[in-house]
Amino acid sequence: MVNLYRRGRIAERKVANLLERRGFTNIRRSAGSRGPADLYARKEGIKYYVQVKSGSARVSRYEVHRLKTLARKRRGVALVAHYSDGKVRYRFYGNWSPKRRKDSQ
């Protein structure tokens, strides 16, 4: 039997592996899920702060607010990844990166 904390850490590892396969680099996991972001990653010079949710868990407004504040302060992108049934759905919340994306120019 797996408790909720362990299930969440497993989902974080699976999302980290998926991000790595999609070209993200410098992927780091937070220590003990204490901060607003569970994962930190980079892609094309842009920093991503990722909150991972698994199963039926939903991200609260407060969690989104903390994640967006962190990303804004550190000039990055806030991202929520929901892992369920072997699939990951992403939701982006703002891009405060000094670099602009190629497709938005």
C-alpha atoms as a PDB file:
ATOM      1  CA  MET A   1       0.000   0.000   0.000  1.00  0.00           C
ATOM      2  CA  VAL A   2       1.301   3.437  -0.971  1.00  0.00           C
ATOM      3  CA  ASN A   3       0.454   6.555   1.042  1.00  0.00           C
ATOM      4  CA  LEU A   4      -0.508   9.847  -0.633  1.00  0.00           C
ATOM      5  CA  TYR A   5       2.902  11.474  -0.125  1.00  0.00           C
ATOM      6  CA  ARG A   6       4.693   8.538  -1.787  1.00  0.00           C
ATOM      7  CA  ARG A   7       2.162   8.459  -4.642  1.00  0.00           C
ATOM      8  CA  GLY A   8       2.819  12.158  -5.261  1.00  0.00           C
ATOM      9  CA  ARG A   9       6.602  11.673  -5.300  1.00  0.00           C
ATOM     10  CA  ILE A  10       6.203   8.816  -7.803  1.00  0.00           C
ATOM     11  CA  ALA A  11       4.087  11.085 -10.042  1.00  0.00           C
ATOM     12  CA  GLU A  12       6.772  13.810  -9.780  1.00  0.00           C
ATOM     13  CA  ARG A  13       9.433  11.359 -10.932  1.00  0.00           C
ATOM     14  CA  LYS A  14       7.304  10.236 -13.892  1.00  0.00           C
ATOM     15  CA  VAL A  15       6.617  13.849 -14.930  1.00  0.00           C
ATOM     16  CA  ALA A  16      10.348  14.648 -14.586  1.00  0.00           C
ATOM     17  CA  ASN A  17      11.202  11.724 -16.870  1.00  0.00           C
ATOM     18  CA  LEU A  18       8.628  12.883 -19.405  1.00  0.00           C
ATOM     19  CA  LEU A  19       9.962  16.451 -19.338  1.00  0.00           C
ATOM     20  CA  GLU A  20      13.470  15.109 -19.920  1.00  0.00           C
ATOM     21  CA  ARG A  21      12.268  13.159 -22.966  1.00  0.00           C
ATOM     22  CA  ARG A  22      10.672  16.387 -24.277  1.00  0.00           C
ATOM     23  CA  GLY A  23      13.975  18.245 -24.204  1.00  0.00           C
ATOM     24  CA  PHE A  24      13.939  19.915 -20.786  1.00  0.00           C
ATOM     25  CA  THR A  25      17.294  20.095 -19.032  1.00  0.00           C
ATOM     26  CA  ASN A  26      18.575  20.781 -15.526  1.00  0.00           C
ATOM     27  CA  ILE A  27      15.502  19.133 -13.976  1.00  0.00           C
ATOM     28  CA  ARG A  28      15.512  19.324 -10.175  1.00  0.00           C
ATOM     29  CA  ARG A  29      13.026  18.058  -7.605  1.00  0.00           C
ATOM     30  CA  SER A  30      12.260  20.111  -4.529  1.00  0.00           C
ATOM     31  CA  ALA A  31      13.259  18.695  -1.178  1.00  0.00           C
ATOM     32  CA  GLY A  32      10.221  17.248   0.554  1.00  0.00           C
ATOM     33  CA  SER A  33       7.651  19.211  -1.476  1.00  0.00           C
ATOM     34  CA  ARG A  34       7.958  22.207   0.844  1.00  0.00           C
ATOM     35  CA  GLY A  35       7.867  25.029  -1.707  1.00  0.00           C
ATOM     36  CA  PRO A  36       5.249  26.059  -4.255  1.00  0.00           C
ATOM     37  CA  ALA A  37       7.019  24.135  -7.044  1.00  0.00           C
ATOM     38  CA  ASP A  38       7.703  20.394  -7.066  1.00  0.00           C
ATOM     39  CA  LEU A  39      10.050  20.492 -10.073  1.00  0.00           C
ATOM     40  CA  TYR A  40      12.386  23.057 -11.581  1.00  0.00           C
ATOM     41  CA  ALA A  41      13.455  22.715 -15.218  1.00  0.00           C
ATOM     42  CA  ARG A  42      14.905  24.652 -18.173  1.00  0.00           C
ATOM     43  CA  LYS A  43      14.237  24.571 -21.882  1.00  0.00           C
ATOM     44  CA  GLU A  44      15.766  26.937 -24.445  1.00  0.00           C
ATOM     45  CA  GLY A  45      17.001  29.206 -21.659  1.00  0.00           C
ATOM     46  CA  ILE A  46      13.570  29.586 -20.049  1.00  0.00           C
ATOM     47  CA  LYS A  47      13.028  28.489 -16.432  1.00  0.00           C
ATOM     48  CA  TYR A  48       9.938  26.446 -15.608  1.00  0.00           C
ATOM     49  CA  TYR A  49       8.463  26.031 -12.126  1.00  0.00           C
ATOM     50  CA  VAL A  50       6.243  22.952 -12.089  1.00  0.00           C
ATOM     51  CA  GLN A  51       3.559  21.907  -9.608  1.00  0.00           C
ATOM     52  CA  VAL A  52       2.612  18.228 -10.063  1.00  0.00           C
ATOM     53  CA  LYS A  53      -0.802  16.836  -9.160  1.00  0.00           C
ATOM     54  CA  SER A  54      -1.792  13.197  -9.484  1.00  0.00           C
ATOM     55  CA  GLY A  55      -4.985  11.183  -9.543  1.00  0.00           C
ATOM     56  CA  SER A  56      -8.048  13.155  -8.518  1.00  0.00           C
ATOM     57  CA  ALA A  57      -6.061  15.925  -6.778  1.00  0.00           C
ATOM     58  CA  ARG A  58      -6.725  19.449  -8.000  1.00  0.00           C
ATOM     59  CA  VAL A  59      -4.581  22.538  -7.725  1.00  0.00           C
ATOM     60  CA  SER A  60      -6.068  25.205  -5.462  1.00  0.00           C
ATOM     61  CA  ARG A  61      -6.190  28.927  -6.192  1.00  0.00           C
ATOM     62  CA  TYR A  62      -3.729  29.501  -3.379  1.00  0.00           C
ATOM     63  CA  GLU A  63      -1.245  27.006  -4.879  1.00  0.00           C
ATOM     64  CA  VAL A  64      -1.567  28.668  -8.296  1.00  0.00           C
ATOM     65  CA  HIS A  65      -1.031  32.087  -6.701  1.00  0.00           C
ATOM     66  CA  ARG A  66       2.135  30.919  -4.898  1.00  0.00           C
ATOM     67  CA  LEU A  67       3.465  29.261  -8.056  1.00  0.00           C
ATOM     68  CA  LYS A  68       2.800  32.331 -10.216  1.00  0.00           C
ATOM     69  CA  THR A  69       4.433  34.594  -7.617  1.00  0.00           C
ATOM     70  CA  LEU A  70       7.542  32.398  -7.546  1.00  0.00           C
ATOM     71  CA  ALA A  71       7.770  32.293 -11.351  1.00  0.00           C
ATOM     72  CA  ARG A  72       7.275  36.059 -11.628  1.00  0.00           C
ATOM     73  CA  LYS A  73       9.983  36.794  -9.038  1.00  0.00           C
ATOM     74  CA  ARG A  74      12.446  34.458 -10.745  1.00  0.00           C
ATOM     75  CA  ARG A  75      11.509  35.493 -14.305  1.00  0.00           C
ATOM     76  CA  GLY A  76      10.210  32.108 -15.415  1.00  0.00           C
ATOM     77  CA  VAL A  77       7.075  30.206 -16.382  1.00  0.00           C
ATOM     78  CA  ALA A  78       4.557  28.680 -13.949  1.00  0.00           C
ATOM     79  CA  LEU A  79       3.334  25.240 -15.018  1.00  0.00           C
ATOM     80  CA  VAL A  80       0.883  22.771 -13.459  1.00  0.00           C
ATOM     81  CA  ALA A  81       1.211  19.156 -14.613  1.00  0.00           C
ATOM     82  CA  HIS A  82      -1.648  16.779 -13.795  1.00  0.00           C
ATOM     83  CA  TYR A  83      -0.611  13.116 -13.972  1.00  0.00           C
ATOM     84  CA  SER A  84      -3.417  10.581 -14.228  1.00  0.00           C
ATOM     85  CA  ASP A  85      -3.815   7.193 -15.906  1.00  0.00           C
ATOM     86  CA  GLY A  86      -0.322   7.365 -17.401  1.00  0.00           C
ATOM     87  CA  LYS A  87      -1.018  10.686 -19.141  1.00  0.00           C
ATOM     88  CA  VAL A  88       0.115  14.198 -18.310  1.00  0.00           C
ATOM     89  CA  ARG A  89      -1.901  17.347 -18.971  1.00  0.00           C
ATOM     90  CA  TYR A  90      -0.183  20.723 -18.732  1.00  0.00           C
ATOM     91  CA  ARG A  91      -1.515  24.158 -17.834  1.00  0.00           C
ATOM     92  CA  PHE A  92       0.710  27.201 -18.220  1.00  0.00           C
ATOM     93  CA  TYR A  93       0.283  30.322 -16.091  1.00  0.00           C
ATOM     94  CA  GLY A  94       2.183  33.269 -17.581  1.00  0.00           C
ATOM     95  CA  ASN A  95       5.634  33.737 -19.032  1.00  0.00           C
ATOM     96  CA  TRP A  96       7.735  36.291 -17.159  1.00  0.00           C
ATOM     97  CA  SER A  97      10.914  35.187 -18.884  1.00  0.00           C
ATOM     98  CA  PRO A  98      13.097  37.889 -20.410  1.00  0.00           C
ATOM     99  CA  LYS A  99      13.343  35.649 -23.487  1.00  0.00           C
ATOM    100  CA  ARG A 100      10.249  35.593 -25.649  1.00  0.00           C
ATOM    101  CA  ARG A 101       9.073  32.426 -27.280  1.00  0.00           C
ATOM    102  CA  LYS A 102       9.686  32.111 -31.005  1.00  0.00           C
ATOM    103  CA  ASP A 103       6.027  31.374 -31.733  1.00  0.00           C
ATOM    104  CA  SER A 104       4.783  34.493 -29.889  1.00  0.00           C
ATOM    105  CA  GLN A 105       6.846  36.983 -31.906  1.00  0.00           C
END
